[in-house]
Amino acid sequence: MENRNLGLGKFLISLPVVLGAVALPAGILVLFYLIFTDFYQRGFLTGLLQGLICLVIMFIHFIVGLVFAEKYWTARNEGLDGKIVIRQFLIYLAIGVLVQISLNIIFENPFKDPPAPSFF
């Protein structure tokens, strides 16, 4: 019975981490689409690179989030308080949000008009 509770506890800790790893970058991408709608309607394939950046950051958040979940679970099982791990994870998420926003602005600057497509 103890192994079943161990697995359930790890699952209940890992599930919000995995869902957050997908929801946070996707939410930032949707915010860019909502704020800069004119930019994305006028250009040719605008937002494609931002979608790729979003997928890469989702993958990174997924892996790092599971590592932090395992560190939290280990700290709780050793009788330590998991607040330090939670604080480290929140700092990581804040840095991740800033990196994603910076990369989106650097690679596809929505503050200037997108270039018109020229096929010839």
N, C-alpha and C. Protein backbone atom coordinates (compact mmCIF):
# COMPACT_ATOMS: atom_id res chain seq x y z
N MET A 1 0.82 -1.20 0.00
CA MET A 1 0.00 0.00 0.00
C MET A 1 0.86 1.26 0.00
N GLU A 2 2.03 1.16 0.62
CA GLU A 2 2.92 2.31 0.70
C GLU A 2 3.43 2.71 -0.70
N ASN A 3 3.73 1.72 -1.54
CA ASN A 3 4.20 2.03 -2.89
C ASN A 3 3.11 2.71 -3.71
N ARG A 4 1.86 2.33 -3.48
CA ARG A 4 0.77 2.95 -4.22
C ARG A 4 0.64 4.43 -3.82
N ASN A 5 0.76 4.73 -2.54
CA ASN A 5 0.70 6.12 -2.08
C ASN A 5 1.89 6.92 -2.58
N LEU A 6 3.04 6.28 -2.67
CA LEU A 6 4.23 6.96 -3.19
C LEU A 6 4.03 7.35 -4.64
N GLY A 7 3.52 6.42 -5.44
CA GLY A 7 3.27 6.71 -6.84
C GLY A 7 2.19 7.77 -7.03
N LEU A 8 1.15 7.70 -6.23
CA LEU A 8 0.07 8.68 -6.32
C LEU A 8 0.56 10.06 -5.92
N GLY A 9 1.38 10.13 -4.88
CA GLY A 9 1.93 11.42 -4.46
C GLY A 9 2.81 12.05 -5.52
N LYS A 10 3.66 11.23 -6.14
CA LYS A 10 4.51 11.76 -7.22
C LYS A 10 3.66 12.22 -8.39
N PHE A 11 2.61 11.47 -8.69
CA PHE A 11 1.73 11.84 -9.79
C PHE A 11 1.03 13.16 -9.50
N LEU A 12 0.54 13.33 -8.28
CA LEU A 12 -0.18 14.55 -7.92
C LEU A 12 0.73 15.77 -7.88
N ILE A 13 2.01 15.56 -7.66
CA ILE A 13 2.96 16.67 -7.71
C ILE A 13 3.36 16.96 -9.15
N SER A 14 3.54 15.91 -9.95
CA SER A 14 4.02 16.07 -11.32
C SER A 14 2.95 16.57 -12.27
N LEU A 15 1.69 16.26 -12.02
CA LEU A 15 0.62 16.66 -12.94
C LEU A 15 0.51 18.18 -13.11
N PRO A 16 0.47 18.98 -12.04
CA PRO A 16 0.41 20.44 -12.26
C PRO A 16 1.67 20.98 -12.93
N VAL A 17 2.81 20.34 -12.66
CA VAL A 17 4.06 20.78 -13.28
C VAL A 17 3.99 20.57 -14.79
N VAL A 18 3.52 19.41 -15.21
CA VAL A 18 3.43 19.11 -16.64
C VAL A 18 2.39 20.00 -17.32
N LEU A 19 1.25 20.19 -16.68
CA LEU A 19 0.23 21.07 -17.26
C LEU A 19 0.72 22.52 -17.32
N GLY A 20 1.44 22.95 -16.30
CA GLY A 20 2.00 24.30 -16.31
C GLY A 20 3.09 24.47 -17.35
N ALA A 21 3.83 23.39 -17.62
CA ALA A 21 4.89 23.46 -18.63
C ALA A 21 4.30 23.71 -20.01
N VAL A 22 3.08 23.29 -20.23
CA VAL A 22 2.42 23.53 -21.51
C VAL A 22 1.65 24.85 -21.48
N ALA A 23 0.98 25.13 -20.38
CA ALA A 23 0.08 26.29 -20.30
C ALA A 23 0.82 27.62 -20.27
N LEU A 24 1.95 27.69 -19.58
CA LEU A 24 2.65 28.96 -19.44
C LEU A 24 3.20 29.48 -20.78
N PRO A 25 3.99 28.70 -21.53
CA PRO A 25 4.46 29.21 -22.82
C PRO A 25 3.32 29.45 -23.82
N ALA A 26 2.31 28.58 -23.81
CA ALA A 26 1.19 28.78 -24.72
C ALA A 26 0.42 30.04 -24.35
N GLY A 27 0.28 30.32 -23.07
CA GLY A 27 -0.38 31.54 -22.64
C GLY A 27 0.36 32.79 -23.07
N ILE A 28 1.67 32.75 -22.99
CA ILE A 28 2.47 33.89 -23.44
C ILE A 28 2.31 34.09 -24.94
N LEU A 29 2.29 33.00 -25.70
CA LEU A 29 2.11 33.08 -27.14
C LEU A 29 0.73 33.66 -27.49
N VAL A 30 -0.29 33.22 -26.79
CA VAL A 30 -1.64 33.75 -27.03
C VAL A 30 -1.71 35.23 -26.66
N LEU A 31 -1.03 35.62 -25.59
CA LEU A 31 -0.99 37.05 -25.23
C LEU A 31 -0.36 37.88 -26.34
N PHE A 32 0.73 37.37 -26.93
CA PHE A 32 1.34 38.08 -28.06
C PHE A 32 0.36 38.17 -29.22
N TYR A 33 -0.36 37.09 -29.50
CA TYR A 33 -1.33 37.11 -30.60
C TYR A 33 -2.46 38.09 -30.32
N LEU A 34 -2.88 38.21 -29.07
CA LEU A 34 -3.97 39.13 -28.73
C LEU A 34 -3.52 40.58 -28.72
N ILE A 35 -2.33 40.84 -28.22
CA ILE A 35 -1.86 42.22 -28.11
C ILE A 35 -1.47 42.78 -29.47
N PHE A 36 -0.81 41.98 -30.30
CA PHE A 36 -0.30 42.46 -31.59
C PHE A 36 -1.07 41.81 -32.74
N THR A 37 -2.39 41.91 -32.75
CA THR A 37 -3.18 41.24 -33.79
C THR A 37 -2.91 41.81 -35.18
N ASP A 38 -2.69 43.10 -35.29
CA ASP A 38 -2.41 43.70 -36.61
C ASP A 38 -1.13 43.14 -37.20
N PHE A 39 -0.13 42.95 -36.38
CA PHE A 39 1.15 42.42 -36.86
C PHE A 39 0.97 41.03 -37.45
N TYR A 40 0.20 40.20 -36.81
CA TYR A 40 0.05 38.82 -37.26
C TYR A 40 -0.90 38.68 -38.44
N GLN A 41 -1.77 39.67 -38.66
CA GLN A 41 -2.69 39.60 -39.80
C GLN A 41 -2.05 40.11 -41.08
N ARG A 42 -1.08 41.01 -40.98
CA ARG A 42 -0.51 41.62 -42.17
C ARG A 42 0.65 40.85 -42.77
N GLY A 43 1.44 40.21 -41.96
CA GLY A 43 2.67 39.60 -42.45
C GLY A 43 2.44 38.23 -43.07
N PHE A 44 3.50 37.74 -43.71
CA PHE A 44 3.49 36.42 -44.32
C PHE A 44 4.20 35.46 -43.37
N LEU A 45 3.48 34.50 -42.85
CA LEU A 45 4.00 33.51 -41.90
C LEU A 45 4.54 34.15 -40.63
N THR A 46 3.95 35.26 -40.23
CA THR A 46 4.37 35.86 -38.97
C THR A 46 3.87 35.00 -37.82
N GLY A 47 4.68 34.88 -36.82
CA GLY A 47 4.33 34.07 -35.67
C GLY A 47 4.79 32.63 -35.77
N LEU A 48 5.31 32.22 -36.91
CA LEU A 48 5.77 30.84 -37.06
C LEU A 48 6.98 30.56 -36.17
N LEU A 49 7.91 31.49 -36.15
CA LEU A 49 9.10 31.32 -35.31
C LEU A 49 8.73 31.41 -33.84
N GLN A 50 7.76 32.24 -33.51
CA GLN A 50 7.32 32.32 -32.12
C GLN A 50 6.66 31.03 -31.68
N GLY A 51 5.95 30.38 -32.57
CA GLY A 51 5.38 29.07 -32.25
C GLY A 51 6.46 28.03 -32.02
N LEU A 52 7.52 28.08 -32.80
CA LEU A 52 8.64 27.15 -32.62
C LEU A 52 9.35 27.42 -31.29
N ILE A 53 9.54 28.69 -30.97
CA ILE A 53 10.14 29.04 -29.68
C ILE A 53 9.26 28.53 -28.54
N CYS A 54 7.96 28.65 -28.70
CA CYS A 54 7.02 28.18 -27.68
C CYS A 54 7.15 26.67 -27.49
N LEU A 55 7.26 25.91 -28.57
CA LEU A 55 7.41 24.46 -28.46
C LEU A 55 8.71 24.07 -27.76
N VAL A 56 9.79 24.75 -28.10
CA VAL A 56 11.09 24.45 -27.48
C VAL A 56 11.03 24.76 -25.98
N ILE A 57 10.44 25.89 -25.63
CA ILE A 57 10.36 26.26 -24.22
C ILE A 57 9.42 25.32 -23.46
N MET A 58 8.36 24.84 -24.10
CA MET A 58 7.50 23.84 -23.46
C MET A 58 8.30 22.59 -23.12
N PHE A 59 9.11 22.14 -24.06
CA PHE A 59 9.93 20.95 -23.84
C PHE A 59 10.91 21.16 -22.69
N ILE A 60 11.56 22.33 -22.66
CA ILE A 60 12.52 22.63 -21.59
C ILE A 60 11.80 22.71 -20.24
N HIS A 61 10.66 23.40 -20.19
CA HIS A 61 9.89 23.50 -18.94
C HIS A 61 9.42 22.13 -18.47
N PHE A 62 9.06 21.27 -19.41
CA PHE A 62 8.61 19.92 -19.05
C PHE A 62 9.71 19.15 -18.33
N ILE A 63 10.91 19.18 -18.89
CA ILE A 63 12.03 18.43 -18.29
C ILE A 63 12.46 19.05 -16.97
N VAL A 64 12.68 20.35 -16.96
CA VAL A 64 13.15 21.02 -15.74
C VAL A 64 12.07 20.96 -14.65
N GLY A 65 10.82 21.08 -15.03
CA GLY A 65 9.74 21.00 -14.06
C GLY A 65 9.67 19.65 -13.38
N LEU A 66 9.88 18.58 -14.14
CA LEU A 66 9.89 17.25 -13.53
C LEU A 66 11.10 17.06 -12.61
N VAL A 67 12.22 17.67 -12.96
CA VAL A 67 13.39 17.61 -12.07
C VAL A 67 13.08 18.32 -10.76
N PHE A 68 12.46 19.50 -10.84
CA PHE A 68 12.09 20.21 -9.61
C PHE A 68 11.04 19.45 -8.81
N ALA A 69 10.11 18.78 -9.48
CA ALA A 69 9.11 17.98 -8.77
C ALA A 69 9.78 16.84 -8.02
N GLU A 70 10.77 16.22 -8.64
CA GLU A 70 11.49 15.14 -7.96
C GLU A 70 12.31 15.67 -6.78
N LYS A 71 12.92 16.86 -6.96
CA LYS A 71 13.66 17.47 -5.84
C LYS A 71 12.71 17.80 -4.69
N TYR A 72 11.52 18.29 -5.01
CA TYR A 72 10.53 18.62 -3.98
C TYR A 72 10.09 17.35 -3.26
N TRP A 73 9.83 16.30 -4.02
CA TRP A 73 9.38 15.05 -3.41
C TRP A 73 10.47 14.47 -2.51
N THR A 74 11.72 14.54 -2.95
CA THR A 74 12.84 14.04 -2.14
C THR A 74 12.98 14.86 -0.86
N ALA A 75 12.86 16.18 -0.97
CA ALA A 75 12.97 17.03 0.22
C ALA A 75 11.84 16.74 1.21
N ARG A 76 10.64 16.53 0.72
CA ARG A 76 9.51 16.23 1.61
C ARG A 76 9.68 14.88 2.29
N ASN A 77 10.24 13.90 1.57
CA ASN A 77 10.44 12.57 2.17
C ASN A 77 11.56 12.57 3.20
N GLU A 78 12.51 13.49 3.06
CA GLU A 78 13.60 13.58 4.04
C GLU A 78 13.21 14.41 5.25
N GLY A 79 11.99 14.88 5.28
CA GLY A 79 11.51 15.65 6.42
C GLY A 79 11.84 17.13 6.33
N LEU A 80 12.38 17.57 5.22
CA LEU A 80 12.71 18.98 5.04
C LEU A 80 11.50 19.73 4.50
N ASP A 81 11.56 21.03 4.64
CA ASP A 81 10.50 21.86 4.09
C ASP A 81 10.79 22.08 2.60
N GLY A 82 9.80 21.95 1.78
CA GLY A 82 9.99 22.09 0.34
C GLY A 82 9.90 23.51 -0.16
N LYS A 83 9.87 24.49 0.75
CA LYS A 83 9.71 25.89 0.32
C LYS A 83 10.91 26.38 -0.49
N ILE A 84 12.09 25.89 -0.19
CA ILE A 84 13.28 26.31 -0.94
C ILE A 84 13.17 25.84 -2.38
N VAL A 85 12.74 24.61 -2.58
CA VAL A 85 12.59 24.08 -3.93
C VAL A 85 11.50 24.83 -4.68
N ILE A 86 10.41 25.16 -4.00
CA ILE A 86 9.33 25.91 -4.64
C ILE A 86 9.82 27.30 -5.03
N ARG A 87 10.59 27.94 -4.16
CA ARG A 87 11.14 29.27 -4.47
C ARG A 87 12.08 29.19 -5.67
N GLN A 88 12.94 28.17 -5.71
CA GLN A 88 13.84 28.01 -6.86
C GLN A 88 13.05 27.79 -8.14
N PHE A 89 11.98 27.01 -8.06
CA PHE A 89 11.16 26.74 -9.24
C PHE A 89 10.46 28.01 -9.72
N LEU A 90 9.96 28.83 -8.81
CA LEU A 90 9.31 30.07 -9.20
C LEU A 90 10.29 31.06 -9.82
N ILE A 91 11.52 31.09 -9.31
CA ILE A 91 12.56 31.93 -9.92
C ILE A 91 12.86 31.43 -11.32
N TYR A 92 12.95 30.11 -11.48
CA TYR A 92 13.19 29.53 -12.80
C TYR A 92 12.06 29.91 -13.77
N LEU A 93 10.81 29.83 -13.32
CA LEU A 93 9.68 30.17 -14.18
C LEU A 93 9.70 31.65 -14.58
N ALA A 94 10.05 32.53 -13.63
CA ALA A 94 10.13 33.96 -13.95
C ALA A 94 11.20 34.21 -15.01
N ILE A 95 12.34 33.56 -14.86
CA ILE A 95 13.41 33.71 -15.85
C ILE A 95 12.96 33.13 -17.19
N GLY A 96 12.25 32.00 -17.16
CA GLY A 96 11.76 31.39 -18.39
C GLY A 96 10.78 32.29 -19.13
N VAL A 97 9.91 32.96 -18.39
CA VAL A 97 8.95 33.88 -19.01
C VAL A 97 9.69 35.05 -19.66
N LEU A 98 10.66 35.61 -18.95
CA LEU A 98 11.43 36.73 -19.51
C LEU A 98 12.21 36.30 -20.74
N VAL A 99 12.77 35.10 -20.73
CA VAL A 99 13.52 34.60 -21.89
C VAL A 99 12.59 34.42 -23.08
N GLN A 100 11.42 33.84 -22.86
CA GLN A 100 10.49 33.64 -23.97
C GLN A 100 10.02 34.96 -24.55
N ILE A 101 9.68 35.91 -23.71
CA ILE A 101 9.25 37.22 -24.21
C ILE A 101 10.38 37.90 -24.96
N SER A 102 11.59 37.83 -24.43
CA SER A 102 12.74 38.45 -25.10
C SER A 102 13.01 37.81 -26.45
N LEU A 103 12.98 36.48 -26.52
CA LEU A 103 13.22 35.80 -27.80
C LEU A 103 12.13 36.12 -28.82
N ASN A 104 10.88 36.20 -28.36
CA ASN A 104 9.80 36.56 -29.28
C ASN A 104 9.99 37.96 -29.85
N ILE A 105 10.41 38.88 -29.02
CA ILE A 105 10.60 40.26 -29.49
C ILE A 105 11.85 40.36 -30.36
N ILE A 106 12.91 39.64 -30.01
CA ILE A 106 14.15 39.72 -30.79
C ILE A 106 13.96 39.13 -32.19
N PHE A 107 13.37 37.95 -32.28
CA PHE A 107 13.29 37.28 -33.57
C PHE A 107 12.18 37.80 -34.47
N GLU A 108 11.04 38.12 -33.91
CA GLU A 108 9.95 38.69 -34.70
C GLU A 108 9.46 39.93 -33.97
N ASN A 109 10.03 41.05 -34.28
CA ASN A 109 9.72 42.28 -33.57
C ASN A 109 8.30 42.75 -33.94
N PRO A 110 7.35 42.62 -33.04
CA PRO A 110 5.98 43.02 -33.37
C PRO A 110 5.76 44.53 -33.30
N PHE A 111 6.78 45.28 -32.91
CA PHE A 111 6.63 46.73 -32.81
C PHE A 111 6.85 47.43 -34.14
N LYS A 112 7.35 46.71 -35.14
CA LYS A 112 7.49 47.30 -36.47
C LYS A 112 6.67 46.48 -37.45
N ASP A 113 6.34 47.06 -38.58
CA ASP A 113 5.52 46.37 -39.57
C ASP A 113 6.27 45.18 -40.14
N PRO A 114 5.58 44.07 -40.36
CA PRO A 114 6.25 42.90 -40.94
C PRO A 114 6.57 43.16 -42.41
N PRO A 115 7.63 42.55 -42.90
CA PRO A 115 7.96 42.75 -44.32
C PRO A 115 6.92 42.07 -45.21
N ALA A 116 6.65 42.71 -46.33
CA ALA A 116 5.71 42.13 -47.29
C ALA A 116 6.39 40.97 -48.01
N PRO A 117 5.66 39.93 -48.32
CA PRO A 117 6.28 38.80 -49.00
C PRO A 117 6.68 39.16 -50.42
N SER A 118 7.86 38.73 -50.80
CA SER A 118 8.31 38.93 -52.18
C SER A 118 8.78 37.57 -52.70
N PHE A 119 8.00 37.02 -53.59
CA PHE A 119 8.31 35.69 -54.09
C PHE A 119 9.25 35.72 -55.29
N PHE A 120 9.35 36.87 -55.95
CA PHE A 120 10.21 36.96 -57.14
C PHE A 120 11.19 38.09 -57.01
